[in-house]
Amino acid sequence: MKLTASSPAGGLARRVRFATQNFSTFPLLLTTLPLFATVPQGLAQRWQAQYALRADAPPVAYPEFTLCILRHKRRAQDPALNWLVTKLKQAMRGQ
């Protein structure tokens, strides 16, 4: 995940200021520094209220992406994990 100081649209150069492996650091950075980030819409909606942030559509089109649920092969028969994976798949499909 990356926080950028300027938009790639409109002839501006993209300048990466921070890179992180997860989104948990973004609210603190966004509330204290003049940056913006691209995050999943669900996070943006939650963070707007929780951290007094503003969400806008990104200035460029982003392609859709595929999510994968990864787990170790030795957990393939774990009933609790199989139940959780099923619930996650149902939630992602809107069921």
Protein backbone atom coordinates (compact mmCIF):
# COMPACT_ATOMS: atom_id res chain seq x y z
CA MET A 1 0.00 0.00 0.00
CA LYS A 2 1.33 3.42 -0.81
CA LEU A 3 0.59 6.98 0.20
CA THR A 4 1.32 9.54 -2.49
CA ALA A 5 1.88 13.28 -2.37
CA SER A 6 0.39 14.08 -5.77
CA SER A 7 -2.01 12.67 -8.32
CA PRO A 8 -0.78 10.90 -11.47
CA ALA A 9 -3.57 12.70 -13.36
CA GLY A 10 -3.35 16.17 -14.87
CA GLY A 11 0.35 16.01 -15.73
CA LEU A 12 1.53 15.82 -12.13
CA ALA A 13 4.32 13.45 -11.25
CA ARG A 14 3.60 10.65 -8.81
CA ARG A 15 5.79 10.82 -5.74
CA VAL A 16 5.55 7.93 -3.28
CA ARG A 17 6.08 9.18 0.27
CA PHE A 18 5.29 6.04 2.30
CA ALA A 19 4.84 2.35 1.57
CA THR A 20 3.34 -0.08 4.05
CA GLN A 21 2.22 -3.71 4.14
CA ASN A 22 -1.20 -2.90 5.62
CA PHE A 23 -3.73 -0.12 5.96
CA SER A 24 -3.62 0.27 9.75
CA THR A 25 -1.06 3.11 9.65
CA PHE A 26 -3.00 5.22 7.15
CA PRO A 27 -5.43 7.04 9.47
CA LEU A 28 -2.61 8.48 11.60
CA LEU A 29 -0.60 9.53 8.56
CA LEU A 30 -3.62 11.02 6.79
CA THR A 31 -4.71 13.05 9.81
CA THR A 32 -1.25 14.49 10.45
CA LEU A 33 0.39 14.92 7.02
CA PRO A 34 -0.75 16.46 3.70
CA LEU A 35 -1.11 13.13 1.88
CA PHE A 36 -3.75 11.00 0.23
CA ALA A 37 -4.12 7.26 -0.15
CA THR A 38 -6.10 4.86 -2.27
CA VAL A 39 -7.91 2.32 -0.12
CA PRO A 40 -10.89 -0.03 -0.52
CA GLN A 41 -14.21 1.80 -0.46
CA GLY A 42 -15.37 0.01 2.68
CA LEU A 43 -12.40 1.34 4.64
CA ALA A 44 -12.86 4.82 3.24
CA GLN A 45 -16.49 4.88 4.35
CA ARG A 46 -15.63 3.74 7.87
CA TRP A 47 -12.65 6.08 8.22
CA GLN A 48 -14.62 9.15 7.11
CA ALA A 49 -16.66 9.07 10.30
CA GLN A 50 -14.06 7.60 12.60
CA TYR A 51 -11.14 9.89 11.68
CA ALA A 52 -12.86 12.94 10.12
CA LEU A 53 -11.45 12.13 6.67
CA ARG A 54 -12.97 12.98 3.31
CA ALA A 55 -13.37 10.36 0.58
CA ASP A 56 -13.48 11.13 -3.14
CA ALA A 57 -13.37 8.99 -6.25
CA PRO A 58 -9.78 8.39 -7.40
CA PRO A 59 -8.56 10.69 -10.20
CA VAL A 60 -7.66 7.72 -12.39
CA ALA A 61 -9.40 4.45 -13.23
CA TYR A 62 -8.24 1.43 -11.28
CA PRO A 63 -8.68 -2.07 -12.67
CA GLU A 64 -10.71 -4.61 -10.76
CA PHE A 65 -8.68 -7.15 -8.87
CA THR A 66 -9.12 -10.69 -7.65
CA LEU A 67 -8.88 -11.61 -3.99
CA CYS A 68 -7.57 -14.95 -2.80
CA ILE A 69 -7.92 -16.67 0.53
CA LEU A 70 -4.64 -18.39 1.34
CA ARG A 71 -4.00 -21.02 3.96
CA HIS A 72 -1.52 -23.80 4.49
CA LYS A 73 -2.33 -27.17 2.94
CA ARG A 74 -2.24 -28.88 6.32
CA ARG A 75 -5.27 -26.76 7.32
CA ALA A 76 -7.36 -27.96 4.36
CA GLN A 77 -9.47 -30.25 6.58
CA ASP A 78 -9.82 -27.85 9.53
CA PRO A 79 -13.61 -27.59 10.12
CA ALA A 80 -13.46 -24.18 11.78
CA LEU A 81 -11.28 -22.70 9.06
CA ASN A 82 -13.45 -24.25 6.34
CA TRP A 83 -16.51 -22.69 7.98
CA LEU A 84 -14.79 -19.28 8.06
CA VAL A 85 -13.71 -19.53 4.42
CA THR A 86 -17.28 -20.41 3.43
CA LYS A 87 -18.63 -17.41 5.36
CA LEU A 88 -16.05 -15.09 3.77
CA LYS A 89 -16.94 -16.30 0.28
CA GLN A 90 -20.65 -15.80 0.99
CA ALA A 91 -20.02 -12.28 2.30
CA MET A 92 -17.94 -11.38 -0.73
CA ARG A 93 -20.71 -12.59 -3.03
CA GLY A 94 -23.28 -10.58 -1.08
CA GLN A 95 -25.12 -13.66 0.20
